[in-house]
Amino acid sequence: MKPEDATHQSVRDYITAKQAGDTDTTSRIVREVGERFDTRTTDGTEIAELGEAAWTTELGNQN
């Protein structure tokens, strides 16, 4: 998945961070999206899209 394919800003940010090898940011985004889902401040589309991005985006090397 490419950042421009994502419909949610959080997922675009996740993909960009993961491609850069920034695991601190990816972990924070996963936590924030999970919290929004748990409190029903987002529907299931954001977390589903994040899951797809997690599976299809390779972890880059952190410089």
C-alpha atoms as a PDB file:
ATOM      1  CA  MET A   1       0.000   0.000   0.000  1.00  0.00           C
ATOM      2  CA  LYS A   2       1.249   3.483  -0.875  1.00  0.00           C
ATOM      3  CA  PRO A   3       0.498   6.538   1.260  1.00  0.00           C
ATOM      4  CA  GLU A   4      -1.583   8.067  -1.529  1.00  0.00           C
ATOM      5  CA  ASP A   5      -3.794   4.944  -1.585  1.00  0.00           C
ATOM      6  CA  ALA A   6      -4.917   5.502   2.015  1.00  0.00           C
ATOM      7  CA  THR A   7      -8.104   7.416   2.758  1.00  0.00           C
ATOM      8  CA  HIS A   8      -7.176   8.241   6.378  1.00  0.00           C
ATOM      9  CA  GLN A   9      -4.385  10.667   7.300  1.00  0.00           C
ATOM     10  CA  SER A  10      -3.328   8.418  10.175  1.00  0.00           C
ATOM     11  CA  VAL A  11      -2.742   5.560   7.744  1.00  0.00           C
ATOM     12  CA  ARG A  12      -0.782   7.777   5.345  1.00  0.00           C
ATOM     13  CA  ASP A  13       1.382   8.862   8.293  1.00  0.00           C
ATOM     14  CA  TYR A  14       1.784   5.224   9.400  1.00  0.00           C
ATOM     15  CA  ILE A  15       2.947   4.103   5.947  1.00  0.00           C
ATOM     16  CA  THR A  16       5.411   6.981   5.661  1.00  0.00           C
ATOM     17  CA  ALA A  17       6.817   6.258   9.121  1.00  0.00           C
ATOM     18  CA  LYS A  18       7.067   2.523   8.525  1.00  0.00           C
ATOM     19  CA  GLN A  19       8.845   3.019   5.214  1.00  0.00           C
ATOM     20  CA  ALA A  20      11.303   5.266   7.064  1.00  0.00           C
ATOM     21  CA  GLY A  21      11.845   2.651   9.783  1.00  0.00           C
ATOM     22  CA  ASP A  22      10.325   4.899  12.467  1.00  0.00           C
ATOM     23  CA  THR A  23       8.857   2.305  14.816  1.00  0.00           C
ATOM     24  CA  ASP A  24       8.199   4.847  17.584  1.00  0.00           C
ATOM     25  CA  THR A  25       5.797   6.719  15.322  1.00  0.00           C
ATOM     26  CA  THR A  26       4.159   3.580  13.943  1.00  0.00           C
ATOM     27  CA  SER A  27       3.557   2.311  17.474  1.00  0.00           C
ATOM     28  CA  ARG A  28       2.049   5.647  18.516  1.00  0.00           C
ATOM     29  CA  ILE A  29      -0.279   5.690  15.500  1.00  0.00           C
ATOM     30  CA  VAL A  30      -1.431   2.114  16.128  1.00  0.00           C
ATOM     31  CA  ARG A  31      -2.127   2.983  19.775  1.00  0.00           C
ATOM     32  CA  GLU A  32      -4.039   6.170  18.868  1.00  0.00           C
ATOM     33  CA  VAL A  33      -6.162   4.494  16.192  1.00  0.00           C
ATOM     34  CA  GLY A  34      -6.896   1.612  18.556  1.00  0.00           C
ATOM     35  CA  GLU A  35      -7.996   4.036  21.257  1.00  0.00           C
ATOM     36  CA  ARG A  36     -10.275   5.876  18.824  1.00  0.00           C
ATOM     37  CA  PHE A  37     -11.798   2.579  17.731  1.00  0.00           C
ATOM     38  CA  ASP A  38     -12.255   1.394  21.333  1.00  0.00           C
ATOM     39  CA  THR A  39     -14.063   4.602  22.263  1.00  0.00           C
ATOM     40  CA  ARG A  40     -16.077   4.564  19.023  1.00  0.00           C
ATOM     41  CA  THR A  41     -14.743   7.933  17.861  1.00  0.00           C
ATOM     42  CA  THR A  42     -13.914   6.278  14.536  1.00  0.00           C
ATOM     43  CA  ASP A  43     -15.638   3.575  12.571  1.00  0.00           C
ATOM     44  CA  GLY A  44     -13.998   0.329  11.573  1.00  0.00           C
ATOM     45  CA  THR A  45     -12.671   1.627   8.260  1.00  0.00           C
ATOM     46  CA  GLU A  46      -9.683   3.406   9.775  1.00  0.00           C
ATOM     47  CA  ILE A  47      -8.496   0.414  11.793  1.00  0.00           C
ATOM     48  CA  ALA A  48      -9.127  -1.938   8.862  1.00  0.00           C
ATOM     49  CA  GLU A  49      -7.092   0.262   6.544  1.00  0.00           C
ATOM     50  CA  LEU A  50      -4.333   0.493   9.158  1.00  0.00           C
ATOM     51  CA  GLY A  51      -4.281  -3.299   9.392  1.00  0.00           C
ATOM     52  CA  GLU A  52      -3.896  -3.596   5.636  1.00  0.00           C
ATOM     53  CA  ALA A  53      -1.056  -1.071   5.705  1.00  0.00           C
ATOM     54  CA  ALA A  54       0.650  -2.967   8.522  1.00  0.00           C
ATOM     55  CA  TRP A  55       0.605  -6.185   6.507  1.00  0.00           C
ATOM     56  CA  THR A  56       1.562  -4.735   3.138  1.00  0.00           C
ATOM     57  CA  THR A  57       4.159  -2.083   4.019  1.00  0.00           C
ATOM     58  CA  GLU A  58       7.761  -3.123   4.497  1.00  0.00           C
ATOM     59  CA  LEU A  59       9.751  -1.685   7.383  1.00  0.00           C
ATOM     60  CA  GLY A  60      12.479   0.585   6.055  1.00  0.00           C
ATOM     61  CA  ASN A  61      15.873   1.257   7.550  1.00  0.00           C
ATOM     62  CA  GLN A  62      15.990   4.012  10.101  1.00  0.00           C
ATOM     63  CA  ASN A  63      18.805   6.442   9.320  1.00  0.00           C
END
